[in-house]
Amino acid sequence: MKHFFTVVIVAAILLAPFAAKSQSAMNIAFIDLQKVMLDSEPGKQIRGTLTKEAERLKSSLDGKQAELQRLKDAVEKQGATITPEARAQKEKDYQAKLKDYQRLYNDYQAELQQKDAEFTQKVLKQVEEVVRGLGEREKYTLIFEKSGAGILFAQPSVDITNKVITLFNESAKTKPIK
């Protein structure tokens, strides 16, 4: 992906003299998608939804973790007073519940990552539509993504991130992300 953006930048530089002959000036801008994701209303809503989901899953895990701790404490407390067979059975039960807990934890992590990826994909699709519309309306030649294009410096005047956030917020009012 980095190589693609590098090729695009090199091509833009090499083709700039030819484009200058056919048109008065190239109109180039960039946006910071990370900022769009953090500062836009849909981005904030998604983070809130994911945070609530993470808290729900965490509370479920906390209950299981407390149960595991009680089992462990019981095994340690009764260790000297019960038969070796009973102790081995309690340790076996503890290990089985510990494996279940670890599996459940991994499942919850995977579930959260999947939901995050799904929401992010939906947001990026709508942001792309907003950027495409803005690019066509304001006749931009190129619009880069700040981090993906490897932009180390650009005049603040070519940063259209705030304009994209505003348009994206307006767009999301008519076309909410689900």
N, C-alpha and C. Protein backbone atom coordinates (compact mmCIF):
# COMPACT_ATOMS: atom_id res chain seq x y z
N MET A 1 0.82 -1.18 0.00
CA MET A 1 0.00 0.00 0.00
C MET A 1 0.87 1.25 0.00
N LYS A 2 1.98 1.23 0.78
CA LYS A 2 2.88 2.37 0.79
C LYS A 2 3.47 2.60 -0.58
N HIS A 3 3.81 1.50 -1.24
CA HIS A 3 4.40 1.62 -2.57
C HIS A 3 3.42 2.25 -3.56
N PHE A 4 2.15 1.93 -3.41
CA PHE A 4 1.13 2.49 -4.28
C PHE A 4 1.10 4.01 -4.14
N PHE A 5 1.07 4.48 -2.89
CA PHE A 5 1.03 5.93 -2.66
C PHE A 5 2.32 6.59 -3.14
N THR A 6 3.43 5.93 -2.97
CA THR A 6 4.70 6.47 -3.45
C THR A 6 4.66 6.61 -4.97
N VAL A 7 4.16 5.60 -5.65
CA VAL A 7 4.05 5.64 -7.11
C VAL A 7 3.11 6.77 -7.53
N VAL A 8 2.01 6.94 -6.82
CA VAL A 8 1.06 8.01 -7.14
C VAL A 8 1.73 9.38 -6.98
N ILE A 9 2.47 9.55 -5.90
CA ILE A 9 3.14 10.82 -5.67
C ILE A 9 4.17 11.09 -6.76
N VAL A 10 4.99 10.09 -7.08
CA VAL A 10 6.01 10.25 -8.12
C VAL A 10 5.34 10.56 -9.46
N ALA A 11 4.26 9.84 -9.75
CA ALA A 11 3.55 10.09 -11.01
C ALA A 11 3.00 11.51 -11.04
N ALA A 12 2.47 11.97 -9.92
CA ALA A 12 1.92 13.33 -9.87
C ALA A 12 3.03 14.36 -10.11
N ILE A 13 4.18 14.11 -9.54
CA ILE A 13 5.30 15.04 -9.72
C ILE A 13 5.77 15.04 -11.17
N LEU A 14 5.89 13.85 -11.74
CA LEU A 14 6.36 13.74 -13.12
C LEU A 14 5.35 14.30 -14.13
N LEU A 15 4.08 14.14 -13.83
CA LEU A 15 3.05 14.60 -14.75
C LEU A 15 2.65 16.06 -14.52
N ALA A 16 3.14 16.65 -13.46
CA ALA A 16 2.78 18.02 -13.14
C ALA A 16 3.08 19.00 -14.28
N PRO A 17 4.25 18.94 -14.92
CA PRO A 17 4.50 19.89 -16.01
C PRO A 17 3.50 19.75 -17.16
N PHE A 18 3.12 18.51 -17.46
CA PHE A 18 2.15 18.30 -18.54
C PHE A 18 0.78 18.80 -18.14
N ALA A 19 0.42 18.56 -16.91
CA ALA A 19 -0.88 19.02 -16.44
C ALA A 19 -0.93 20.54 -16.38
N ALA A 20 0.19 21.15 -16.07
CA ALA A 20 0.25 22.61 -15.99
C ALA A 20 -0.02 23.24 -17.35
N LYS A 21 0.41 22.58 -18.42
CA LYS A 21 0.15 23.11 -19.75
C LYS A 21 -1.32 23.04 -20.10
N SER A 22 -1.99 21.97 -19.63
CA SER A 22 -3.38 21.79 -20.01
C SER A 22 -4.35 22.49 -19.05
N GLN A 23 -3.86 22.83 -17.88
CA GLN A 23 -4.73 23.50 -16.94
C GLN A 23 -3.88 24.47 -16.13
N SER A 24 -4.48 25.49 -15.61
CA SER A 24 -3.70 26.56 -15.00
C SER A 24 -2.97 26.11 -13.74
N ALA A 25 -3.58 25.28 -12.90
CA ALA A 25 -2.91 24.84 -11.67
C ALA A 25 -3.54 23.54 -11.19
N MET A 26 -2.69 22.75 -10.56
CA MET A 26 -3.20 21.53 -9.95
C MET A 26 -3.75 21.90 -8.57
N ASN A 27 -4.87 21.35 -8.24
CA ASN A 27 -5.49 21.62 -6.95
C ASN A 27 -5.34 20.35 -6.12
N ILE A 28 -4.42 20.37 -5.16
CA ILE A 28 -4.10 19.19 -4.36
C ILE A 28 -4.44 19.49 -2.91
N ALA A 29 -4.96 18.48 -2.22
CA ALA A 29 -5.30 18.63 -0.81
C ALA A 29 -5.03 17.30 -0.10
N PHE A 30 -5.13 17.33 1.22
CA PHE A 30 -5.03 16.10 1.99
C PHE A 30 -6.02 16.14 3.14
N ILE A 31 -6.34 14.94 3.63
CA ILE A 31 -7.19 14.83 4.81
C ILE A 31 -6.52 13.88 5.79
N ASP A 32 -6.85 14.04 7.04
CA ASP A 32 -6.36 13.17 8.11
C ASP A 32 -7.53 12.28 8.53
N LEU A 33 -7.55 11.05 8.02
CA LEU A 33 -8.66 10.15 8.32
C LEU A 33 -8.76 9.83 9.80
N GLN A 34 -7.63 9.76 10.48
CA GLN A 34 -7.66 9.49 11.91
C GLN A 34 -8.43 10.60 12.64
N LYS A 35 -8.18 11.82 12.26
CA LYS A 35 -8.89 12.95 12.86
C LYS A 35 -10.37 12.90 12.52
N VAL A 36 -10.69 12.53 11.29
CA VAL A 36 -12.10 12.40 10.90
C VAL A 36 -12.78 11.35 11.77
N MET A 37 -12.11 10.22 11.98
CA MET A 37 -12.68 9.14 12.80
C MET A 37 -12.87 9.58 14.26
N LEU A 38 -11.96 10.39 14.76
CA LEU A 38 -12.02 10.81 16.17
C LEU A 38 -12.95 12.00 16.40
N ASP A 39 -13.00 12.94 15.46
CA ASP A 39 -13.72 14.19 15.69
C ASP A 39 -15.11 14.27 15.07
N SER A 40 -15.42 13.39 14.15
CA SER A 40 -16.75 13.46 13.52
C SER A 40 -17.80 12.87 14.46
N GLU A 41 -19.02 13.33 14.31
CA GLU A 41 -20.12 12.81 15.13
C GLU A 41 -20.31 11.31 14.95
N PRO A 42 -20.33 10.78 13.70
CA PRO A 42 -20.47 9.33 13.54
C PRO A 42 -19.31 8.57 14.20
N GLY A 43 -18.11 9.11 14.11
CA GLY A 43 -16.96 8.47 14.74
C GLY A 43 -17.11 8.41 16.25
N LYS A 44 -17.59 9.51 16.83
CA LYS A 44 -17.82 9.55 18.28
C LYS A 44 -18.92 8.57 18.69
N GLN A 45 -19.98 8.49 17.88
CA GLN A 45 -21.07 7.56 18.18
C GLN A 45 -20.57 6.11 18.15
N ILE A 46 -19.75 5.80 17.17
CA ILE A 46 -19.24 4.44 17.05
C ILE A 46 -18.32 4.11 18.22
N ARG A 47 -17.47 5.05 18.59
CA ARG A 47 -16.60 4.81 19.75
C ARG A 47 -17.43 4.59 21.00
N GLY A 48 -18.51 5.36 21.15
CA GLY A 48 -19.40 5.18 22.30
C GLY A 48 -20.05 3.81 22.29
N THR A 49 -20.51 3.38 21.13
CA THR A 49 -21.13 2.06 21.00
C THR A 49 -20.13 0.96 21.34
N LEU A 50 -18.93 1.08 20.80
CA LEU A 50 -17.91 0.07 21.07
C LEU A 50 -17.49 0.07 22.53
N THR A 51 -17.44 1.24 23.14
CA THR A 51 -17.08 1.33 24.56
C THR A 51 -18.13 0.65 25.42
N LYS A 52 -19.41 0.89 25.11
CA LYS A 52 -20.50 0.24 25.86
C LYS A 52 -20.42 -1.27 25.70
N GLU A 53 -20.16 -1.73 24.49
CA GLU A 53 -20.05 -3.16 24.25
C GLU A 53 -18.88 -3.75 25.01
N ALA A 54 -17.76 -3.05 25.02
CA ALA A 54 -16.58 -3.53 25.74
C ALA A 54 -16.87 -3.60 27.24
N GLU A 55 -17.58 -2.61 27.78
CA GLU A 55 -17.93 -2.61 29.20
C GLU A 55 -18.87 -3.77 29.53
N ARG A 56 -19.81 -4.04 28.64
CA ARG A 56 -20.74 -5.16 28.85
C ARG A 56 -19.97 -6.47 28.89
N LEU A 57 -19.08 -6.65 27.95
CA LEU A 57 -18.30 -7.89 27.90
C LEU A 57 -17.36 -7.98 29.10
N LYS A 58 -16.81 -6.86 29.51
CA LYS A 58 -15.91 -6.85 30.66
C LYS A 58 -16.65 -7.24 31.93
N SER A 59 -17.86 -6.74 32.10
CA SER A 59 -18.62 -7.09 33.30
C SER A 59 -18.92 -8.59 33.32
N SER A 60 -19.19 -9.16 32.17
CA SER A 60 -19.41 -10.60 32.08
C SER A 60 -18.14 -11.36 32.47
N LEU A 61 -17.01 -10.87 31.98
CA LEU A 61 -15.74 -11.51 32.31
C LEU A 61 -15.38 -11.33 33.79
N ASP A 62 -15.72 -10.18 34.35
CA ASP A 62 -15.42 -9.93 35.76
C ASP A 62 -16.12 -10.94 36.67
N GLY A 63 -17.35 -11.27 36.33
CA GLY A 63 -18.08 -12.28 37.10
C GLY A 63 -17.41 -13.63 37.03
N LYS A 64 -16.97 -14.01 35.85
CA LYS A 64 -16.28 -15.29 35.69
C LYS A 64 -14.94 -15.28 36.41
N GLN A 65 -14.25 -14.14 36.38
CA GLN A 65 -12.96 -14.03 37.04
C GLN A 65 -13.13 -14.14 38.57
N ALA A 66 -14.17 -13.54 39.09
CA ALA A 66 -14.45 -13.63 40.54
C ALA A 66 -14.73 -15.08 40.92
N GLU A 67 -15.48 -15.77 40.08
CA GLU A 67 -15.77 -17.19 40.34
C GLU A 67 -14.48 -18.01 40.34
N LEU A 68 -13.59 -17.72 39.40
CA LEU A 68 -12.30 -18.42 39.35
C LEU A 68 -11.49 -18.15 40.62
N GLN A 69 -11.49 -16.93 41.07
CA GLN A 69 -10.73 -16.58 42.28
C GLN A 69 -11.29 -17.31 43.49
N ARG A 70 -12.61 -17.41 43.59
CA ARG A 70 -13.23 -18.14 44.71
C ARG A 70 -12.82 -19.61 44.66
N LEU A 71 -12.84 -20.20 43.48
CA LEU A 71 -12.43 -21.60 43.34
C LEU A 71 -10.97 -21.79 43.76
N LYS A 72 -10.13 -20.90 43.31
CA LYS A 72 -8.70 -20.99 43.63
C LYS A 72 -8.49 -20.85 45.14
N ASP A 73 -9.18 -19.88 45.74
CA ASP A 73 -9.06 -19.69 47.18
C ASP A 73 -9.54 -20.92 47.95
N ALA A 74 -10.64 -21.51 47.48
CA ALA A 74 -11.18 -22.71 48.13
C ALA A 74 -10.19 -23.87 48.05
N VAL A 75 -9.56 -24.03 46.91
CA VAL A 75 -8.58 -25.11 46.74
C VAL A 75 -7.40 -24.89 47.70
N GLU A 76 -6.93 -23.66 47.77
CA GLU A 76 -5.79 -23.35 48.64
C GLU A 76 -6.16 -23.47 50.11
N LYS A 77 -7.36 -23.04 50.46
CA LYS A 77 -7.80 -23.06 51.85
C LYS A 77 -8.03 -24.48 52.35
N GLN A 78 -8.64 -25.29 51.51
CA GLN A 78 -8.98 -26.66 51.91
C GLN A 78 -7.86 -27.65 51.59
N GLY A 79 -6.79 -27.16 51.00
CA GLY A 79 -5.73 -28.04 50.52
C GLY A 79 -5.22 -29.04 51.53
N ALA A 80 -5.02 -28.62 52.76
CA ALA A 80 -4.46 -29.52 53.78
C ALA A 80 -5.52 -30.38 54.43
N THR A 81 -6.76 -30.01 54.35
CA THR A 81 -7.81 -30.73 55.08
C THR A 81 -8.58 -31.74 54.23
N ILE A 82 -8.39 -31.74 52.91
CA ILE A 82 -9.14 -32.68 52.07
C ILE A 82 -8.19 -33.75 51.53
N THR A 83 -8.78 -34.79 51.04
CA THR A 83 -7.99 -35.91 50.51
C THR A 83 -7.28 -35.48 49.23
N PRO A 84 -6.18 -36.12 48.91
CA PRO A 84 -5.47 -35.79 47.68
C PRO A 84 -6.34 -35.93 46.43
N GLU A 85 -7.23 -36.94 46.44
CA GLU A 85 -8.12 -37.12 45.29
C GLU A 85 -9.09 -35.95 45.15
N ALA A 86 -9.65 -35.50 46.26
CA ALA A 86 -10.60 -34.38 46.23
C ALA A 86 -9.86 -33.10 45.81
N ARG A 87 -8.64 -32.94 46.31
CA ARG A 87 -7.85 -31.77 45.93
C ARG A 87 -7.56 -31.80 44.43
N ALA A 88 -7.17 -32.96 43.91
CA ALA A 88 -6.89 -33.09 42.48
C ALA A 88 -8.13 -32.78 41.65
N GLN A 89 -9.30 -33.21 42.13
CA GLN A 89 -10.55 -32.94 41.41
C GLN A 89 -10.85 -31.44 41.40
N LYS A 90 -10.66 -30.78 42.55
CA LYS A 90 -10.91 -29.34 42.62
C LYS A 90 -9.94 -28.58 41.71
N GLU A 91 -8.68 -29.00 41.67
CA GLU A 91 -7.70 -28.35 40.80
C GLU A 91 -8.06 -28.57 39.33
N LYS A 92 -8.55 -29.78 39.04
CA LYS A 92 -8.98 -30.08 37.67
C LYS A 92 -10.16 -29.19 37.28
N ASP A 93 -11.12 -29.02 38.18
CA ASP A 93 -12.27 -28.15 37.93
C ASP A 93 -11.81 -26.70 37.71
N TYR A 94 -10.87 -26.27 38.53
CA TYR A 94 -10.33 -24.92 38.41
C TYR A 94 -9.67 -24.73 37.04
N GLN A 95 -8.85 -25.68 36.63
CA GLN A 95 -8.15 -25.58 35.34
C GLN A 95 -9.14 -25.55 34.17
N ALA A 96 -10.20 -26.36 34.27
CA ALA A 96 -11.22 -26.38 33.22
C ALA A 96 -11.92 -25.01 33.13
N LYS A 97 -12.27 -24.45 34.28
CA LYS A 97 -12.93 -23.14 34.28
C LYS A 97 -11.98 -22.05 33.81
N LEU A 98 -10.71 -22.18 34.15
CA LEU A 98 -9.72 -21.21 33.70
C LEU A 98 -9.60 -21.24 32.17
N LYS A 99 -9.58 -22.44 31.59
CA LYS A 99 -9.53 -22.55 30.12
C LYS A 99 -10.78 -21.95 29.49
N ASP A 100 -11.94 -22.20 30.08
CA ASP A 100 -13.19 -21.61 29.58
C ASP A 100 -13.13 -20.08 29.63
N TYR A 101 -12.60 -19.57 30.73
CA TYR A 101 -12.46 -18.12 30.88
C TYR A 101 -11.54 -17.55 29.80
N GLN A 102 -10.41 -18.18 29.59
CA GLN A 102 -9.45 -17.71 28.59
C GLN A 102 -10.05 -17.76 27.18
N ARG A 103 -10.79 -18.83 26.89
CA ARG A 103 -11.45 -18.95 25.59
C ARG A 103 -12.49 -17.85 25.42
N LEU A 104 -13.28 -17.61 26.45
CA LEU A 104 -14.30 -16.58 26.42
C LEU A 104 -13.67 -15.20 26.25
N TYR A 105 -12.57 -14.95 26.94
CA TYR A 105 -11.85 -13.68 26.82
C TYR A 105 -11.39 -13.48 25.37
N ASN A 106 -10.80 -14.51 24.78
CA ASN A 106 -10.34 -14.42 23.39
C ASN A 106 -11.51 -14.22 22.43
N ASP A 107 -12.62 -14.90 22.69
CA ASP A 107 -13.81 -14.74 21.85
C ASP A 107 -14.32 -13.30 21.92
N TYR A 108 -14.36 -12.73 23.12
CA TYR A 108 -14.83 -11.35 23.29
C TYR A 108 -13.90 -10.37 22.58
N GLN A 109 -12.59 -10.60 22.70
CA GLN A 109 -11.63 -9.74 22.02
C GLN A 109 -11.86 -9.78 20.50
N ALA A 110 -12.01 -10.97 19.97
CA ALA A 110 -12.23 -11.14 18.53
C ALA A 110 -13.54 -10.47 18.11
N GLU A 111 -14.57 -10.61 18.94
CA GLU A 111 -15.87 -10.00 18.64
C GLU A 111 -15.75 -8.47 18.59
N LEU A 112 -15.04 -7.89 19.56
CA LEU A 112 -14.87 -6.44 19.57
C LEU A 112 -14.06 -5.97 18.37
N GLN A 113 -13.01 -6.69 18.03
CA GLN A 113 -12.20 -6.32 16.87
C GLN A 113 -13.02 -6.39 15.59
N GLN A 114 -13.85 -7.40 15.47
CA GLN A 114 -14.68 -7.55 14.28
C GLN A 114 -15.69 -6.40 14.18
N LYS A 115 -16.34 -6.06 15.29
CA LYS A 115 -17.29 -4.95 15.28
C LYS A 115 -16.59 -3.64 14.96
N ASP A 116 -15.40 -3.44 15.51
CA ASP A 116 -14.63 -2.23 15.24
C ASP A 116 -14.30 -2.15 13.75
N ALA A 117 -13.87 -3.26 13.17
CA ALA A 117 -13.53 -3.28 11.75
C ALA A 117 -14.77 -3.02 10.88
N GLU A 118 -15.90 -3.60 11.25
CA GLU A 118 -17.13 -3.39 10.49
C GLU A 118 -17.56 -1.92 10.52
N PHE A 119 -17.57 -1.33 11.72
CA PHE A 119 -17.95 0.07 11.85
C PHE A 119 -16.97 0.97 11.11
N THR A 120 -15.69 0.70 11.25
CA THR A 120 -14.68 1.51 10.59
C THR A 120 -14.86 1.45 9.08
N GLN A 121 -15.12 0.27 8.56
CA GLN A 121 -15.33 0.11 7.11
C GLN A 121 -16.53 0.92 6.64
N LYS A 122 -17.62 0.89 7.41
CA LYS A 122 -18.81 1.66 7.04
C LYS A 122 -18.52 3.16 7.06
N VAL A 123 -17.82 3.61 8.09
CA VAL A 123 -17.48 5.03 8.19
C VAL A 123 -16.59 5.44 7.03
N LEU A 124 -15.57 4.64 6.75
CA LEU A 124 -14.64 4.99 5.67
C LEU A 124 -15.34 5.03 4.31
N LYS A 125 -16.32 4.17 4.12
CA LYS A 125 -17.06 4.19 2.87
C LYS A 125 -17.82 5.50 2.71
N GLN A 126 -18.47 5.94 3.79
CA GLN A 126 -19.21 7.20 3.72
C GLN A 126 -18.26 8.39 3.60
N VAL A 127 -17.12 8.33 4.29
CA VAL A 127 -16.14 9.42 4.18
C VAL A 127 -15.63 9.50 2.75
N GLU A 128 -15.40 8.34 2.14
CA GLU A 128 -14.93 8.32 0.75
C GLU A 128 -15.94 8.99 -0.17
N GLU A 129 -17.23 8.73 0.05
CA GLU A 129 -18.26 9.38 -0.76
C GLU A 129 -18.24 10.89 -0.58
N VAL A 130 -18.07 11.33 0.67
CA VAL A 130 -18.01 12.77 0.96
C VAL A 130 -16.79 13.39 0.27
N VAL A 131 -15.63 12.72 0.38
CA VAL A 131 -14.40 13.25 -0.22
C VAL A 131 -14.52 13.28 -1.74
N ARG A 132 -15.08 12.24 -2.32
CA ARG A 132 -15.25 12.20 -3.77
C ARG A 132 -16.15 13.36 -4.23
N GLY A 133 -17.25 13.56 -3.52
CA GLY A 133 -18.16 14.66 -3.87
C GLY A 133 -17.48 16.01 -3.72
N LEU A 134 -16.74 16.20 -2.65
CA LEU A 134 -16.01 17.44 -2.43
C LEU A 134 -14.96 17.65 -3.51
N GLY A 135 -14.24 16.59 -3.85
CA GLY A 135 -13.21 16.68 -4.88
C GLY A 135 -13.79 17.08 -6.23
N GLU A 136 -14.92 16.49 -6.59
CA GLU A 136 -15.55 16.83 -7.88
C GLU A 136 -16.12 18.24 -7.85
N ARG A 137 -16.75 18.61 -6.76
CA ARG A 137 -17.40 19.92 -6.66
C ARG A 137 -16.36 21.05 -6.66
N GLU A 138 -15.24 20.85 -5.95
CA GLU A 138 -14.24 21.91 -5.84
C GLU A 138 -13.07 21.69 -6.80
N LYS A 139 -13.22 20.73 -7.69
CA LYS A 139 -12.26 20.48 -8.77
C LYS A 139 -10.83 20.21 -8.27
N TYR A 140 -10.71 19.30 -7.29
CA TYR A 140 -9.38 18.90 -6.84
C TYR A 140 -8.80 17.92 -7.83
N THR A 141 -7.51 18.05 -8.09
CA THR A 141 -6.81 17.11 -8.96
C THR A 141 -6.49 15.85 -8.17
N LEU A 142 -5.99 16.01 -6.95
CA LEU A 142 -5.64 14.90 -6.07
C LEU A 142 -6.01 15.25 -4.64
N ILE A 143 -6.50 14.25 -3.92
CA ILE A 143 -6.72 14.39 -2.48
C ILE A 143 -6.04 13.19 -1.83
N PHE A 144 -5.06 13.45 -1.00
CA PHE A 144 -4.30 12.40 -0.33
C PHE A 144 -4.80 12.19 1.09
N GLU A 145 -4.53 11.00 1.61
CA GLU A 145 -4.75 10.73 3.02
C GLU A 145 -3.42 11.00 3.70
N LYS A 146 -3.42 11.78 4.74
CA LYS A 146 -2.19 12.30 5.34
C LYS A 146 -1.19 11.21 5.72
N SER A 147 -1.59 10.22 6.50
CA SER A 147 -0.62 9.23 6.96
C SER A 147 -0.32 8.20 5.88
N GLY A 148 -1.31 7.80 5.09
CA GLY A 148 -1.10 6.80 4.05
C GLY A 148 -0.21 7.28 2.93
N ALA A 149 -0.26 8.58 2.64
CA ALA A 149 0.55 9.13 1.56
C ALA A 149 1.96 9.47 2.04
N GLY A 150 2.19 9.37 3.34
CA GLY A 150 3.50 9.69 3.87
C GLY A 150 3.82 11.17 3.79
N ILE A 151 2.83 12.01 3.96
CA ILE A 151 3.05 13.45 3.88
C ILE A 151 3.81 13.90 5.12
N LEU A 152 5.00 14.41 4.90
CA LEU A 152 5.81 14.90 6.00
C LEU A 152 5.58 16.39 6.23
N PHE A 153 5.25 17.11 5.19
CA PHE A 153 4.94 18.53 5.31
C PHE A 153 3.96 18.92 4.22
N ALA A 154 3.04 19.77 4.60
CA ALA A 154 2.11 20.37 3.64
C ALA A 154 1.61 21.67 4.26
N GLN A 155 1.36 22.63 3.42
CA GLN A 155 0.81 23.90 3.89
C GLN A 155 -0.55 23.62 4.54
N PRO A 156 -0.82 24.22 5.67
CA PRO A 156 -2.13 24.01 6.31
C PRO A 156 -3.30 24.37 5.40
N SER A 157 -3.06 25.21 4.43
CA SER A 157 -4.15 25.62 3.54
C SER A 157 -4.64 24.47 2.66
N VAL A 158 -3.85 23.41 2.49
CA VAL A 158 -4.30 22.28 1.66
C VAL A 158 -4.88 21.15 2.51
N ASP A 159 -4.99 21.37 3.82
CA ASP A 159 -5.61 20.39 4.71
C ASP A 159 -7.11 20.64 4.73
N ILE A 160 -7.86 19.71 4.16
CA ILE A 160 -9.32 19.88 4.08
C ILE A 160 -10.04 18.99 5.09
N THR A 161 -9.32 18.52 6.11
CA THR A 161 -9.90 17.60 7.09
C THR A 161 -11.12 18.19 7.77
N ASN A 162 -11.03 19.41 8.25
CA ASN A 162 -12.17 20.01 8.95
C ASN A 162 -13.38 20.18 8.04
N LYS A 163 -13.14 20.50 6.79
CA LYS A 163 -14.22 20.62 5.81
C LYS A 163 -14.88 19.25 5.61
N VAL A 164 -14.05 18.20 5.54
CA VAL A 164 -14.58 16.84 5.37
C VAL A 164 -15.39 16.43 6.60
N ILE A 165 -14.89 16.76 7.79
CA ILE A 165 -15.64 16.43 9.01
C ILE A 165 -17.00 17.11 9.01
N THR A 166 -17.04 18.38 8.65
CA THR A 166 -18.31 19.11 8.60
C THR A 166 -19.27 18.47 7.60
N LEU A 167 -18.78 18.21 6.39
CA LEU A 167 -19.63 17.58 5.37
C LEU A 167 -20.06 16.17 5.78
N PHE A 168 -19.14 15.44 6.41
CA PHE A 168 -19.45 14.08 6.85
C PHE A 168 -20.53 14.11 7.94
N ASN A 169 -20.42 15.04 8.87
CA ASN A 169 -21.44 15.17 9.92
C ASN A 169 -22.81 15.48 9.30
N GLU A 170 -22.83 16.37 8.31
CA GLU A 170 -24.09 16.70 7.63
C GLU A 170 -24.64 15.48 6.89
N SER A 171 -23.74 14.76 6.23
CA SER A 171 -24.12 13.56 5.48
C SER A 171 -24.68 12.49 6.41
N ALA A 172 -24.08 12.35 7.58
CA ALA A 172 -24.51 11.32 8.53
C ALA A 172 -25.89 11.60 9.10
N LYS A 173 -26.30 12.87 9.10
CA LYS A 173 -27.65 13.19 9.58
C LYS A 173 -28.71 12.62 8.65
N THR A 174 -28.41 12.61 7.35
CA THR A 174 -29.38 12.09 6.38
C THR A 174 -29.16 10.61 6.09
N LYS A 175 -27.96 10.15 6.34
CA LYS A 175 -27.62 8.74 6.04
C LYS A 175 -26.83 8.17 7.22
N PRO A 176 -27.52 7.86 8.35
CA PRO A 176 -26.82 7.40 9.55
C PRO A 176 -26.12 6.05 9.34
N ILE A 177 -25.05 5.87 10.07
CA ILE A 177 -24.29 4.62 10.03
C ILE A 177 -24.93 3.64 10.99
N LYS A 178 -25.16 2.43 10.53
CA LYS A 178 -25.81 1.42 11.36
C LYS A 178 -24.85 0.31 11.66
